[in-house]
PDB file of all heavy atoms in Angstrom:
ATOM      1  N   GLN A   1       0.869  -1.190  -0.031  1.00  0.00           N
ATOM      2  CA  GLN A   1      -0.061   0.013   0.036  1.00  0.00           C
ATOM      3  C   GLN A   1       0.876   1.267  -0.052  1.00  0.00           C
ATOM      4  O   GLN A   1       1.843   1.356   0.762  1.00  0.00           O
ATOM      5  CB  GLN A   1      -0.826   0.012   1.256  1.00  0.00           C
ATOM      6  CG  GLN A   1      -1.976   1.054   1.256  1.00  0.00           C
ATOM      7  CD  GLN A   1      -3.122   0.803   0.395  1.00  0.00           C
ATOM      8  OE1 GLN A   1      -3.291  -0.396  -0.143  1.00  0.00           O
ATOM      9  NE2 GLN A   1      -4.069   1.636   0.195  1.00  0.00           N
ATOM     10  N   VAL A   2       0.528   2.177  -0.810  1.00  0.00           N
ATOM     11  CA  VAL A   2       1.302   3.465  -0.997  1.00  0.00           C
ATOM     12  C   VAL A   2       0.331   4.615  -0.614  1.00  0.00           C
ATOM     13  O   VAL A   2      -0.836   4.588  -1.147  1.00  0.00           O
ATOM     14  CB  VAL A   2       1.896   3.607  -2.388  1.00  0.00           C
ATOM     15  CG1 VAL A   2       2.601   5.073  -2.549  1.00  0.00           C
ATOM     16  CG2 VAL A   2       2.804   2.559  -2.666  1.00  0.00           C
ATOM     17  N   GLN A   3       0.703   5.487   0.165  1.00  0.00           N
ATOM     18  CA  GLN A   3      -0.051   6.664   0.465  1.00  0.00           C
ATOM     19  C   GLN A   3       0.490   7.904  -0.103  1.00  0.00           C
ATOM     20  O   GLN A   3       1.781   8.066   0.071  1.00  0.00           O
ATOM     21  CB  GLN A   3      -0.308   6.795   1.890  1.00  0.00           C
ATOM     22  CG  GLN A   3      -1.236   5.685   2.535  1.00  0.00           C
ATOM     23  CD  GLN A   3      -1.540   5.926   4.068  1.00  0.00           C
ATOM     24  OE1 GLN A   3      -0.785   6.498   4.737  1.00  0.00           O
ATOM     25  NE2 GLN A   3      -2.620   5.474   4.505  1.00  0.00           N
ATOM     26  N   LEU A   4      -0.206   8.729  -0.662  1.00  0.00           N
ATOM     27  CA  LEU A   4       0.266   9.964  -1.416  1.00  0.00           C
ATOM     28  C   LEU A   4      -0.473  11.158  -0.698  1.00  0.00           C
ATOM     29  O   LEU A   4      -1.669  11.202  -0.633  1.00  0.00           O
ATOM     30  CB  LEU A   4       0.028   9.964  -2.813  1.00  0.00           C
ATOM     31  CG  LEU A   4       0.608   8.768  -3.596  1.00  0.00           C
ATOM     32  CD1 LEU A   4       0.032   8.679  -5.011  1.00  0.00           C
ATOM     33  CD2 LEU A   4       2.186   8.779  -3.653  1.00  0.00           C
ATOM     34  N   VAL A   5       0.336  12.240  -0.443  1.00  0.00           N
ATOM     35  CA  VAL A   5      -0.249  13.444   0.038  1.00  0.00           C
ATOM     36  C   VAL A   5       0.224  14.578  -0.727  1.00  0.00           C
ATOM     37  O   VAL A   5       1.405  14.979  -0.727  1.00  0.00           O
ATOM     38  CB  VAL A   5       0.054  13.603   1.518  1.00  0.00           C
ATOM     39  CG1 VAL A   5      -0.583  14.818   2.062  1.00  0.00           C
ATOM     40  CG2 VAL A   5      -0.490  12.440   2.437  1.00  0.00           C
ATOM     41  N   GLU A   6      -0.687  15.319  -1.407  1.00  0.00           N
ATOM     42  CA  GLU A   6      -0.290  16.409  -2.284  1.00  0.00           C
ATOM     43  C   GLU A   6      -0.412  17.729  -1.501  1.00  0.00           C
ATOM     44  O   GLU A   6      -1.204  17.860  -0.514  1.00  0.00           O
ATOM     45  CB  GLU A   6      -1.190  16.626  -3.543  1.00  0.00           C
ATOM     46  CG  GLU A   6      -1.179  15.397  -4.455  1.00  0.00           C
ATOM     47  CD  GLU A   6      -2.508  14.562  -4.343  1.00  0.00           C
ATOM     48  OE1 GLU A   6      -2.936  14.414  -3.133  1.00  0.00           O
ATOM     49  OE2 GLU A   6      -2.781  13.864  -5.335  1.00  0.00           O
ATOM     50  N   SER A   7       0.395  18.682  -1.814  1.00  0.00           N
ATOM     51  CA  SER A   7       0.326  20.002  -1.235  1.00  0.00           C
ATOM     52  C   SER A   7       0.708  21.055  -2.114  1.00  0.00           C
ATOM     53  O   SER A   7       1.344  20.743  -3.222  1.00  0.00           O
ATOM     54  CB  SER A   7       1.080  19.974   0.121  1.00  0.00           C
ATOM     55  OG  SER A   7       2.435  19.838  -0.240  1.00  0.00           O
ATOM     56  N   GLY A   8       0.528  22.406  -1.821  1.00  0.00           N
ATOM     57  CA  GLY A   8       0.989  23.412  -2.620  1.00  0.00           C
ATOM     58  C   GLY A   8       0.062  24.148  -3.539  1.00  0.00           C
ATOM     59  O   GLY A   8       0.414  25.144  -4.211  1.00  0.00           O
ATOM     60  N   GLY A   9      -1.202  23.565  -3.528  1.00  0.00           N
ATOM     61  CA  GLY A   9      -2.136  24.256  -4.452  1.00  0.00           C
ATOM     62  C   GLY A   9      -2.566  25.567  -3.755  1.00  0.00           C
ATOM     63  O   GLY A   9      -2.181  25.974  -2.666  1.00  0.00           O
ATOM     64  N   GLY A  10      -3.346  26.358  -4.543  1.00  0.00           N
ATOM     65  CA  GLY A  10      -3.814  27.597  -4.117  1.00  0.00           C
ATOM     66  C   GLY A  10      -4.423  28.450  -5.183  1.00  0.00           C
ATOM     67  O   GLY A  10      -4.652  27.977  -6.357  1.00  0.00           O
ATOM     68  N   LEU A  11      -4.571  29.731  -4.958  1.00  0.00           N
ATOM     69  CA  LEU A  11      -5.090  30.660  -5.841  1.00  0.00           C
ATOM     70  C   LEU A  11      -3.945  31.504  -6.348  1.00  0.00           C
ATOM     71  O   LEU A  11      -3.156  32.096  -5.416  1.00  0.00           O
ATOM     72  CB  LEU A  11      -6.219  31.527  -5.167  1.00  0.00           C
ATOM     73  CG  LEU A  11      -6.705  32.770  -6.048  1.00  0.00           C
ATOM     74  CD1 LEU A  11      -7.491  32.247  -7.139  1.00  0.00           C
ATOM     75  CD2 LEU A  11      -7.688  33.533  -5.037  1.00  0.00           C
ATOM     76  N   VAL A  12      -3.881  31.702  -7.646  1.00  0.00           N
ATOM     77  CA  VAL A  12      -2.739  32.467  -8.193  1.00  0.00           C
ATOM     78  C   VAL A  12      -3.308  33.217  -9.462  1.00  0.00           C
ATOM     79  O   VAL A  12      -4.214  32.752 -10.063  1.00  0.00           O
ATOM     80  CB  VAL A  12      -1.618  31.526  -8.627  1.00  0.00           C
ATOM     81  CG1 VAL A  12      -1.874  30.611  -9.728  1.00  0.00           C
ATOM     82  CG2 VAL A  12      -0.333  32.378  -9.006  1.00  0.00           C
ATOM     83  N   GLN A  13      -2.687  34.325  -9.662  1.00  0.00           N
ATOM     84  CA  GLN A  13      -3.096  35.159 -10.905  1.00  0.00           C
ATOM     85  C   GLN A  13      -2.465  34.584 -12.131  1.00  0.00           C
ATOM     86  O   GLN A  13      -1.448  33.903 -12.095  1.00  0.00           O
ATOM     87  CB  GLN A  13      -2.703  36.606 -10.722  1.00  0.00           C
ATOM     88  CG  GLN A  13      -3.520  37.335  -9.704  1.00  0.00           C
ATOM     89  CD  GLN A  13      -3.235  38.909  -9.749  1.00  0.00           C
ATOM     90  OE1 GLN A  13      -2.050  39.271 -10.054  1.00  0.00           O
ATOM     91  NE2 GLN A  13      -4.102  39.644  -9.334  1.00  0.00           N
ATOM     92  N   ALA A  14      -3.094  34.800 -13.270  1.00  0.00           N
ATOM     93  CA  ALA A  14      -2.635  34.361 -14.485  1.00  0.00           C
ATOM     94  C   ALA A  14      -1.145  34.861 -14.739  1.00  0.00           C
ATOM     95  O   ALA A  14      -0.893  36.040 -14.353  1.00  0.00           O
ATOM     96  CB  ALA A  14      -3.517  34.673 -15.665  1.00  0.00           C
ATOM     97  N   GLY A  15      -0.292  34.024 -15.212  1.00  0.00           N
ATOM     98  CA  GLY A  15       1.106  34.339 -15.361  1.00  0.00           C
ATOM     99  C   GLY A  15       1.986  34.053 -14.107  1.00  0.00           C
ATOM    100  O   GLY A  15       3.218  34.111 -14.238  1.00  0.00           O
ATOM    101  N   GLY A  16       1.354  33.609 -13.060  1.00  0.00           N
ATOM    102  CA  GLY A  16       2.080  33.287 -11.788  1.00  0.00           C
ATOM    103  C   GLY A  16       2.513  31.865 -11.863  1.00  0.00           C
ATOM    104  O   GLY A  16       2.430  31.250 -12.789  1.00  0.00           O
ATOM    105  N   SER A  17       3.189  31.468 -10.660  1.00  0.00           N
ATOM    106  CA  SER A  17       3.765  30.198 -10.485  1.00  0.00           C
ATOM    107  C   SER A  17       3.247  29.558  -9.170  1.00  0.00           C
ATOM    108  O   SER A  17       2.977  30.209  -8.283  1.00  0.00           O
ATOM    109  CB  SER A  17       5.236  30.341 -10.514  1.00  0.00           C
ATOM    110  OG  SER A  17       5.784  30.813 -11.701  1.00  0.00           O
ATOM    111  N   LEU A  18       3.290  28.213  -9.246  1.00  0.00           N
ATOM    112  CA  LEU A  18       3.016  27.437  -8.015  1.00  0.00           C
ATOM    113  C   LEU A  18       3.932  26.113  -8.105  1.00  0.00           C
ATOM    114  O   LEU A  18       4.116  25.667  -9.276  1.00  0.00           O
ATOM    115  CB  LEU A  18       1.554  26.992  -7.932  1.00  0.00           C
ATOM    116  CG  LEU A  18       0.529  28.022  -7.425  1.00  0.00           C
ATOM    117  CD1 LEU A  18      -0.958  27.299  -7.601  1.00  0.00           C
ATOM    118  CD2 LEU A  18       0.769  28.337  -5.980  1.00  0.00           C
ATOM    119  N   ARG A  19       4.334  25.639  -6.952  1.00  0.00           N
ATOM    120  CA  ARG A  19       5.022  24.401  -6.989  1.00  0.00           C
ATOM    121  C   ARG A  19       4.274  23.325  -6.067  1.00  0.00           C
ATOM    122  O   ARG A  19       3.966  23.608  -4.968  1.00  0.00           O
ATOM    123  CB  ARG A  19       6.455  24.491  -6.477  1.00  0.00           C
ATOM    124  CG  ARG A  19       7.203  23.162  -6.524  1.00  0.00           C
ATOM    125  CD  ARG A  19       8.566  23.245  -6.106  1.00  0.00           C
ATOM    126  NE  ARG A  19       8.749  23.030  -4.792  1.00  0.00           N
ATOM    127  CZ  ARG A  19       9.928  22.545  -4.166  1.00  0.00           C
ATOM    128  NH1 ARG A  19      10.878  22.319  -4.919  1.00  0.00           N
ATOM    129  NH2 ARG A  19       9.903  22.491  -2.811  1.00  0.00           N
ATOM    130  N   LEU A  20       3.812  22.283  -6.684  1.00  0.00           N
ATOM    131  CA  LEU A  20       2.949  21.293  -6.086  1.00  0.00           C
ATOM    132  C   LEU A  20       4.007  20.163  -5.590  1.00  0.00           C
ATOM    133  O   LEU A  20       5.069  19.924  -6.289  1.00  0.00           O
ATOM    134  CB  LEU A  20       1.991  20.595  -6.963  1.00  0.00           C
ATOM    135  CG  LEU A  20       1.073  21.447  -7.632  1.00  0.00           C
ATOM    136  CD1 LEU A  20       0.009  20.671  -8.448  1.00  0.00           C
ATOM    137  CD2 LEU A  20       0.306  22.340  -6.570  1.00  0.00           C
ATOM    138  N   SER A  21       3.748  19.661  -4.458  1.00  0.00           N
ATOM    139  CA  SER A  21       4.493  18.494  -3.886  1.00  0.00           C
ATOM    140  C   SER A  21       3.659  17.403  -3.666  1.00  0.00           C
ATOM    141  O   SER A  21       2.443  17.462  -3.361  1.00  0.00           O
ATOM    142  CB  SER A  21       5.140  18.980  -2.540  1.00  0.00           C
ATOM    143  OG  SER A  21       6.052  20.008  -2.777  1.00  0.00           O
ATOM    144  N   CYS A  22       4.192  16.148  -3.678  1.00  0.00           N
ATOM    145  CA  CYS A  22       3.526  14.946  -3.356  1.00  0.00           C
ATOM    146  C   CYS A  22       4.439  14.020  -2.676  1.00  0.00           C
ATOM    147  O   CYS A  22       5.457  13.518  -3.212  1.00  0.00           O
ATOM    148  CB  CYS A  22       3.026  14.210  -4.766  1.00  0.00           C
ATOM    149  SG  CYS A  22       2.322  12.539  -4.459  1.00  0.00           S
ATOM    150  N   ALA A  23       4.085  13.878  -1.359  1.00  0.00           N
ATOM    151  CA  ALA A  23       4.936  12.982  -0.518  1.00  0.00           C
ATOM    152  C   ALA A  23       4.291  11.576  -0.483  1.00  0.00           C
ATOM    153  O   ALA A  23       3.157  11.462  -0.249  1.00  0.00           O
ATOM    154  CB  ALA A  23       4.968  13.496   0.849  1.00  0.00           C
ATOM    155  N   ALA A  24       5.134  10.600  -0.715  1.00  0.00           N
ATOM    156  CA  ALA A  24       4.753   9.234  -0.875  1.00  0.00           C
ATOM    157  C   ALA A  24       5.360   8.415   0.298  1.00  0.00           C
ATOM    158  O   ALA A  24       6.421   8.608   0.766  1.00  0.00           O
ATOM    159  CB  ALA A  24       5.149   8.597  -2.163  1.00  0.00           C
ATOM    160  N   SER A  25       4.506   7.435   0.792  1.00  0.00           N
ATOM    161  CA  SER A  25       5.038   6.487   1.748  1.00  0.00           C
ATOM    162  C   SER A  25       5.550   5.281   0.956  1.00  0.00           C
ATOM    163  O   SER A  25       5.417   5.145  -0.240  1.00  0.00           O
ATOM    164  CB  SER A  25       3.875   5.953   2.650  1.00  0.00           C
ATOM    165  OG  SER A  25       2.863   5.247   1.794  1.00  0.00           O
ATOM    166  N   GLY A  26       6.270   4.438   1.681  1.00  0.00           N
ATOM    167  CA  GLY A  26       6.848   3.227   1.029  1.00  0.00           C
ATOM    168  C   GLY A  26       8.340   3.319   0.884  1.00  0.00           C
ATOM    169  O   GLY A  26       8.913   4.316   0.523  1.00  0.00           O
ATOM    170  N   ARG A  27       8.907   2.164   1.148  1.00  0.00           N
ATOM    171  CA  ARG A  27      10.381   2.175   1.175  1.00  0.00           C
ATOM    172  C   ARG A  27      10.983   1.976  -0.243  1.00  0.00           C
ATOM    173  O   ARG A  27      12.215   1.982  -0.349  1.00  0.00           O
ATOM    174  CB  ARG A  27      10.765   0.982   2.127  1.00  0.00           C
ATOM    175  CG  ARG A  27      10.600   1.296   3.583  1.00  0.00           C
ATOM    176  CD  ARG A  27      11.002   0.109   4.428  1.00  0.00           C
ATOM    177  NE  ARG A  27       9.964  -1.017   4.203  1.00  0.00           N
ATOM    178  CZ  ARG A  27      10.125  -2.155   4.970  1.00  0.00           C
ATOM    179  NH1 ARG A  27      11.111  -2.365   5.725  1.00  0.00           N
ATOM    180  NH2 ARG A  27       9.138  -3.050   4.632  1.00  0.00           N
ATOM    181  N   THR A  28      10.128   1.729  -1.201  1.00  0.00           N
ATOM    182  CA  THR A  28      10.728   1.477  -2.515  1.00  0.00           C
ATOM    183  C   THR A  28      10.255   2.658  -3.466  1.00  0.00           C
ATOM    184  O   THR A  28      10.105   2.386  -4.747  1.00  0.00           O
ATOM    185  CB  THR A  28      10.120   0.079  -3.143  1.00  0.00           C
ATOM    186  OG1 THR A  28       8.687   0.168  -3.055  1.00  0.00           O
ATOM    187  CG2 THR A  28      10.671  -0.970  -2.348  1.00  0.00           C
ATOM    188  N   PHE A  29      10.155   3.786  -2.924  1.00  0.00           N
ATOM    189  CA  PHE A  29       9.696   4.967  -3.724  1.00  0.00           C
ATOM    190  C   PHE A  29      10.641   5.149  -4.974  1.00  0.00           C
ATOM    191  O   PHE A  29      10.160   5.537  -6.014  1.00  0.00           O
ATOM    192  CB  PHE A  29       9.732   6.158  -2.895  1.00  0.00           C
ATOM    193  CG  PHE A  29       9.416   7.471  -3.609  1.00  0.00           C
ATOM    194  CD1 PHE A  29       8.119   7.858  -3.897  1.00  0.00           C
ATOM    195  CD2 PHE A  29      10.472   8.320  -4.047  1.00  0.00           C
ATOM    196  CE1 PHE A  29       7.840   9.069  -4.651  1.00  0.00           C
ATOM    197  CE2 PHE A  29      10.235   9.480  -4.797  1.00  0.00           C
ATOM    198  CZ  PHE A  29       8.852   9.962  -4.943  1.00  0.00           C
ATOM    199  N   SER A  30      11.868   4.919  -4.784  1.00  0.00           N
ATOM    200  CA  SER A  30      12.898   5.124  -5.879  1.00  0.00           C
ATOM    201  C   SER A  30      12.593   4.166  -7.089  1.00  0.00           C
ATOM    202  O   SER A  30      13.252   4.386  -8.096  1.00  0.00           O
ATOM    203  CB  SER A  30      14.207   5.034  -5.303  1.00  0.00           C
ATOM    204  OG  SER A  30      14.471   3.719  -4.873  1.00  0.00           O
ATOM    205  N   THR A  31      11.811   3.291  -6.867  1.00  0.00           N
ATOM    206  CA  THR A  31      11.423   2.349  -8.009  1.00  0.00           C
ATOM    207  C   THR A  31      10.192   2.639  -8.672  1.00  0.00           C
ATOM    208  O   THR A  31       9.724   1.976  -9.609  1.00  0.00           O
ATOM    209  CB  THR A  31      11.400   0.904  -7.588  1.00  0.00           C
ATOM    210  OG1 THR A  31      10.354   0.677  -6.726  1.00  0.00           O
ATOM    211  CG2 THR A  31      12.542   0.344  -6.793  1.00  0.00           C
ATOM    212  N   TYR A  32       9.384   3.733  -8.284  1.00  0.00           N
ATOM    213  CA  TYR A  32       8.105   3.988  -8.792  1.00  0.00           C
ATOM    214  C   TYR A  32       8.220   4.966  -9.915  1.00  0.00           C
ATOM    215  O   TYR A  32       9.028   5.875  -9.878  1.00  0.00           O
ATOM    216  CB  TYR A  32       7.257   4.709  -7.665  1.00  0.00           C
ATOM    217  CG  TYR A  32       7.030   3.781  -6.474  1.00  0.00           C
ATOM    218  CD1 TYR A  32       6.603   4.489  -5.294  1.00  0.00           C
ATOM    219  CD2 TYR A  32       7.083   2.440  -6.451  1.00  0.00           C
ATOM    220  CE1 TYR A  32       6.317   3.746  -4.073  1.00  0.00           C
ATOM    221  CE2 TYR A  32       6.722   1.728  -5.296  1.00  0.00           C
ATOM    222  CZ  TYR A  32       6.451   2.374  -4.088  1.00  0.00           C
ATOM    223  OH  TYR A  32       6.238   1.658  -2.968  1.00  0.00           O
ATOM    224  N   VAL A  33       7.292   4.845 -10.827  1.00  0.00           N
ATOM    225  CA  VAL A  33       7.216   5.867 -11.914  1.00  0.00           C
ATOM    226  C   VAL A  33       5.976   6.734 -11.329  1.00  0.00           C
ATOM    227  O   VAL A  33       5.004   6.229 -10.787  1.00  0.00           O
ATOM    228  CB  VAL A  33       6.623   5.138 -13.177  1.00  0.00           C
ATOM    229  CG1 VAL A  33       6.375   6.290 -14.208  1.00  0.00           C
ATOM    230  CG2 VAL A  33       7.653   4.204 -13.691  1.00  0.00           C
ATOM    231  N   MET A  34       6.193   7.985 -11.454  1.00  0.00           N
ATOM    232  CA  MET A  34       5.229   8.964 -10.766  1.00  0.00           C
ATOM    233  C   MET A  34       4.591   9.892 -11.901  1.00  0.00           C
ATOM    234  O   MET A  34       5.296  10.325 -12.839  1.00  0.00           O
ATOM    235  CB  MET A  34       6.017   9.928  -9.821  1.00  0.00           C
ATOM    236  CG  MET A  34       6.679   9.165  -8.650  1.00  0.00           C
ATOM    237  SD  MET A  34       5.570   8.252  -7.604  1.00  0.00           S
ATOM    238  CE  MET A  34       4.657   9.616  -6.906  1.00  0.00           C
ATOM    239  N   GLY A  35       3.370  10.180 -11.585  1.00  0.00           N
ATOM    240  CA  GLY A  35       2.714  11.018 -12.622  1.00  0.00           C
ATOM    241  C   GLY A  35       1.854  12.086 -11.826  1.00  0.00           C
ATOM    242  O   GLY A  35       1.530  11.964 -10.728  1.00  0.00           O
TER     243      GLY A  35
END
């Protein structure tokens, strides 16, 4: 079982920037393909 928690969303004006993050559980994260 893998748990994923996203963060970083919000309200931004056109032309602006945001960075989303996704933290994953699991000891084999380095073997996962992420999307």
